[in-house]
Protein backbone atom coordinates (compact mmCIF):
# COMPACT_ATOMS: atom_id res chain seq x y z
CA MET A 1 55.76 -9.82 85.41
CA LYS A 2 55.59 -9.80 89.22
CA ARG A 3 58.70 -9.45 91.42
CA ARG A 4 59.04 -11.85 94.31
CA LEU A 5 59.66 -10.27 97.77
CA ARG A 6 62.87 -11.37 99.38
CA ALA A 7 62.54 -12.84 102.88
CA PRO A 8 64.41 -10.99 105.75
CA GLY A 9 67.60 -12.55 106.91
CA PRO A 10 68.39 -13.76 110.45
CA ALA A 11 70.32 -10.63 111.41
CA MET A 12 67.35 -8.42 110.54
CA VAL A 13 65.01 -10.57 112.63
CA ILE A 14 67.29 -10.37 115.70
CA SER A 15 67.60 -6.57 115.42
CA LEU A 16 63.84 -6.16 115.27
CA LEU A 17 63.34 -8.36 118.34
CA ALA A 18 65.92 -6.38 120.34
CA LEU A 19 64.20 -3.13 119.43
CA LEU A 20 60.81 -4.43 120.55
CA VAL A 21 62.23 -5.63 123.88
CA ALA A 22 63.93 -2.28 124.54
CA LEU A 23 60.78 -0.33 123.75
CA GLY A 24 58.65 -2.58 125.86
CA GLY A 25 61.03 -2.36 128.83
CA THR A 26 61.09 1.48 128.73
CA THR A 27 57.32 1.67 128.67
CA TYR A 28 57.14 -0.67 131.60
CA ALA A 29 59.65 1.26 133.61
CA ALA A 30 57.90 4.58 133.03
CA THR A 31 54.43 3.37 133.95
CA SER A 32 55.03 0.63 136.49
CA LEU A 33 57.78 1.86 138.94
CA PRO A 34 57.42 0.34 142.39
CA ARG A 35 57.08 2.61 145.50
CA ASN A 36 60.32 4.11 146.86
CA SER A 37 62.31 2.71 143.91
CA VAL A 38 63.66 6.16 142.80
CA GLY A 39 66.43 7.65 144.87
CA THR A 40 69.16 10.30 144.63
CA ALA A 41 71.14 8.18 142.23
CA GLN A 42 68.23 8.04 139.76
CA LEU A 43 67.62 11.82 139.76
CA LYS A 44 69.43 13.98 137.25
CA ASN A 45 71.21 17.03 138.71
CA GLY A 46 68.87 20.02 138.55
CA ALA A 47 65.89 17.81 137.71
CA VAL A 48 63.86 18.89 140.80
CA THR A 49 62.93 22.61 140.62
CA LYS A 50 60.99 24.86 142.99
CA THR A 51 57.86 24.57 140.90
CA LYS A 52 57.92 20.76 141.41
CA ILE A 53 57.85 21.10 145.23
CA SER A 54 54.68 21.92 147.16
CA LYS A 55 54.45 25.15 149.18
CA LYS A 56 53.95 23.10 152.35
CA THR A 57 57.19 21.26 151.76
CA ILE A 58 59.05 24.51 151.04
CA ALA A 59 57.74 26.01 154.30
CA ALA A 60 58.84 22.89 156.21
CA LEU A 61 62.37 23.23 154.82
CA LYS A 62 62.77 26.76 156.29
CA GLY A 63 64.51 26.94 159.69
CA ASN A 64 64.26 29.61 162.42
CA ARG A 65 65.91 32.99 161.82
CA GLY A 66 69.42 32.99 163.17
CA PRO A 67 70.89 35.69 165.46
CA GLN A 68 71.94 38.97 163.88
CA GLY A 69 75.53 39.02 162.85
CA PRO A 70 78.05 41.62 164.08
CA GLN A 71 78.08 45.04 162.49
CA GLY A 72 80.29 45.25 159.48
CA VAL A 73 83.30 47.48 159.17
CA PRO A 74 82.27 51.06 158.21
CA GLY A 75 82.84 51.84 154.61
CA PRO A 76 85.18 54.55 153.41
CA LYS A 77 84.12 58.19 153.74
CA GLY A 78 82.28 59.43 150.70
CA ASP A 79 83.36 62.30 148.57
CA THR A 80 82.53 65.83 149.74
CA GLY A 81 79.42 67.12 148.07
CA SER A 82 79.40 70.23 145.98
CA GLN A 83 78.74 73.56 147.72
CA GLY A 84 75.12 74.62 147.81
CA VAL A 85 73.75 77.74 146.23
CA PRO A 86 74.24 80.78 148.55
CA GLY A 87 71.03 82.06 150.10
CA PRO A 88 69.70 85.59 149.53
CA LYS A 89 71.27 88.42 151.50
CA GLY A 90 69.32 89.35 154.61
CA ASP A 91 67.90 92.77 155.34
CA THR A 92 70.14 95.31 157.00
CA GLY A 93 69.40 95.56 160.72
CA SER A 94 68.59 98.78 162.47
CA GLN A 95 71.47 100.73 163.94
CA GLY A 96 71.99 100.22 167.65
CA VAL A 97 72.22 102.94 170.26
CA PRO A 98 75.76 104.37 170.32
CA GLY A 99 77.74 103.33 173.36
CA LEU A 100 79.68 105.58 175.70
CA PRO A 101 83.36 105.01 174.99
CA GLY A 102 85.78 105.16 177.86
CA ILE A 103 83.09 104.90 180.58
CA ALA A 104 83.52 102.10 183.11
CA PHE A 105 80.58 102.21 185.49
CA VAL A 106 80.66 100.74 188.96
CA THR A 107 77.14 99.59 189.89
CA SER A 108 75.48 98.42 193.09
CA GLU A 109 71.87 97.49 193.91
CA VAL A 110 69.67 96.93 196.99
CA THR A 111 66.39 95.14 196.27
CA ALA A 112 64.69 95.29 199.71
CA MET A 113 61.67 97.58 200.10
CA GLU A 114 62.23 99.87 203.08
CA GLY A 115 60.90 103.28 204.12
CA THR A 116 61.45 106.40 206.20
CA THR A 117 59.52 109.41 207.51
CA SER A 118 62.68 111.49 207.99
CA THR A 119 62.74 114.89 206.28
CA THR A 120 66.54 114.82 206.17
CA PRO A 121 68.59 112.26 204.19
CA VAL A 122 69.19 109.07 206.16
CA ASP A 123 70.14 105.45 205.60
CA LEU A 124 67.32 102.92 205.38
CA ALA A 125 67.40 99.65 207.32
CA THR A 126 69.61 98.30 204.53
CA PRO A 127 72.01 101.14 203.65
CA GLY A 128 73.01 101.97 200.13
CA PRO A 129 73.61 101.03 197.48
CA SER A 130 77.16 102.42 197.51
CA VAL A 131 80.16 102.27 195.14
CA THR A 132 83.79 103.37 195.27
CA VAL A 133 85.52 104.89 192.24
CA THR A 134 88.73 106.76 191.51
CA VAL A 135 87.99 110.20 190.11
CA PRO A 136 90.49 111.35 187.45
CA SER A 137 92.30 114.67 187.34
CA SER A 138 89.33 116.20 185.50
CA GLY A 139 87.33 115.85 188.74
CA LEU A 140 84.27 114.71 186.76
CA ILE A 141 81.95 111.80 187.55
CA GLU A 142 78.88 110.51 185.73
CA VAL A 143 75.98 109.21 187.83
CA TYR A 144 72.88 107.16 187.14
CA ALA A 145 70.30 106.15 189.78
CA GLN A 146 66.89 104.55 189.86
CA ALA A 147 64.40 103.28 192.45
CA ILE A 148 60.81 102.16 192.82
CA ILE A 149 59.21 104.76 195.09
CA PHE A 150 55.99 104.24 197.05
CA GLY A 151 54.10 107.09 198.71
CA SER A 152 50.65 108.21 199.69
CA ALA A 153 50.62 111.96 200.22
CA SER A 154 54.39 112.01 200.54
CA ARG A 155 57.15 112.34 197.99
CA GLY A 156 60.28 110.28 198.34
CA ILE A 157 63.64 111.93 197.72
CA VAL A 158 66.91 110.19 196.82
CA THR A 159 70.12 112.09 197.62
CA LEU A 160 73.73 111.26 196.66
CA GLU A 161 76.44 111.32 199.32
CA GLU A 162 80.18 111.47 198.73
CA ASP A 163 82.27 110.09 201.57
CA GLY A 164 79.36 110.56 204.03
CA THR A 165 78.31 114.10 203.10
CA VAL A 166 75.83 115.41 200.54
CA LEU A 167 77.61 115.92 197.20
CA PRO A 168 77.40 119.58 196.18
CA GLY A 169 75.64 120.46 192.95
CA GLN A 170 72.46 118.45 193.48
CA SER A 171 69.06 119.88 192.62
CA THR A 172 67.10 121.82 195.23
CA ASP A 173 63.83 121.62 193.30
CA CYS A 174 63.07 117.94 193.91
CA ILE A 175 60.06 119.24 195.86
CA ALA A 176 59.29 122.58 194.30
CA SER A 177 56.26 123.14 196.54
CA SER A 178 58.23 122.67 199.76
CA PRO A 179 61.11 125.14 200.05
CA GLY A 180 63.85 124.09 202.41
CA GLN A 181 63.56 120.40 201.64
CA PRO A 182 66.79 118.49 201.06
CA SER A 183 68.36 118.51 197.63
CA GLY A 184 68.64 115.30 195.67
CA ILE A 185 69.09 113.58 192.33
CA LEU A 186 65.80 111.70 192.21
CA SER A 187 62.27 112.06 193.60
CA GLY A 188 58.92 110.44 193.07
CA LEU A 189 55.31 110.36 194.23
CA ALA A 190 53.44 107.18 193.35
CA LEU A 191 50.37 105.91 195.18
CA GLY A 192 50.80 102.34 193.92
CA GLY A 193 54.52 102.51 193.43
CA GLY A 194 56.43 103.56 190.32
CA LEU A 195 59.91 103.27 188.86
CA PHE A 196 61.82 106.56 188.77
CA ALA A 197 65.24 107.19 187.24
CA THR A 198 67.61 110.13 186.93
CA VAL A 199 66.90 112.50 184.05
CA PRO A 200 69.42 115.11 182.90
CA GLY A 201 68.41 118.29 184.69
CA GLN A 202 67.78 116.33 187.94
CA CYS A 203 64.53 115.49 189.70
CA LYS A 204 62.47 115.72 186.53
CA THR A 205 59.58 113.30 186.35
CA THR A 206 59.44 113.26 182.56
CA GLY A 207 61.95 112.60 179.83
CA PRO A 208 64.23 109.66 179.05
CA PRO A 209 66.54 108.42 181.82
CA GLY A 210 70.09 109.68 181.58
CA LEU A 211 73.35 110.52 183.30
CA LEU A 212 74.05 113.34 185.72
CA ILE A 213 77.50 114.97 185.68
CA PHE A 214 79.15 116.28 188.83
CA HIS A 215 82.48 118.00 189.48
CA THR A 216 84.45 116.94 192.54
CA THR A 217 88.05 116.54 193.68
CA PRO A 218 90.32 113.94 192.06
CA GLY A 219 91.04 110.80 194.05
CA THR A 220 89.17 107.81 195.44
CA HIS A 221 85.67 108.49 196.75
CA THR A 222 82.75 106.40 197.99
CA TYR A 223 79.28 107.32 196.79
CA LYS A 224 76.03 106.21 198.47
CA LEU A 225 72.29 106.86 198.12
CA VAL A 226 70.38 108.17 201.15
CA TYR A 227 66.63 108.80 201.51
CA SER A 228 64.06 111.22 202.91
CA SER A 229 60.39 112.18 202.72
CA ASP A 230 58.75 115.55 202.16
CA GLY A 231 56.97 115.33 205.51
CA GLY A 232 53.55 114.35 204.23
CA GLY A 233 54.03 110.81 205.50
CA GLY A 234 56.33 107.88 205.04
CA SER A 235 58.03 107.06 201.73
CA PHE A 236 59.21 103.62 200.68
CA PHE A 237 61.99 102.67 198.28
CA GLN A 238 62.72 99.37 196.49
CA ASN A 239 65.13 98.03 193.82
CA ARG A 240 67.55 100.89 194.42
CA VAL A 241 70.38 101.14 191.86
CA LEU A 242 73.45 103.41 191.80
CA SER A 243 76.00 103.56 188.94
CA VAL A 244 79.01 105.89 188.99
CA ALA A 245 81.81 106.23 186.41
CA PRO A 246 84.88 108.46 186.34
CA GLY A 247 84.48 111.22 183.79
CA THR A 248 86.98 111.99 181.06
């Protein structure tokens, strides 16, 4: 026995028609929008992303770089770092030359190169050098002198004066081959010029430079270098230095 299909009612027909109209209108709107019909109001927030915009448009949206802003306020000082690892101990240095305690030298220098042919001690065109010291009750003084001496066949002699007279106790063998020549504390014979300095024992041409010790009267005295030649010709002297200190 066959069942008869029941015909749809009016309400069902109206619902189906409304559904068809709605579907048809949506399809039309999605495929047939007129130009410039979509504006800001039709766009959902966040609907347009960077990937939807062309690179040309993105470049056009960028403005010029603005001026640099002012420097910000310096931040707070950071914490002190931990102390580094100490380095290795260095090698011990060599011991220096012992000083001379209690010696206060008074030093003077004349740099000019000047000469003489005199066989007796005289001043050069520029006298000196000279120094003034106060000799203690011991009556001892310590003396150092040096000069560059030039000569051909002559030997230059440097003599020490005290208050204008030759200080006693100076060597008489500055020119061993010429007896009668003036005594002195320094002598030299150098064809091209050489530096000579006092050596303990006086007028020696070898040995390390050193101090000469003289005994005189206590009180204030002025000491000066004077110059002579052995008679074989003129002698020249340059960079003349005199240092005198009261003894102890």
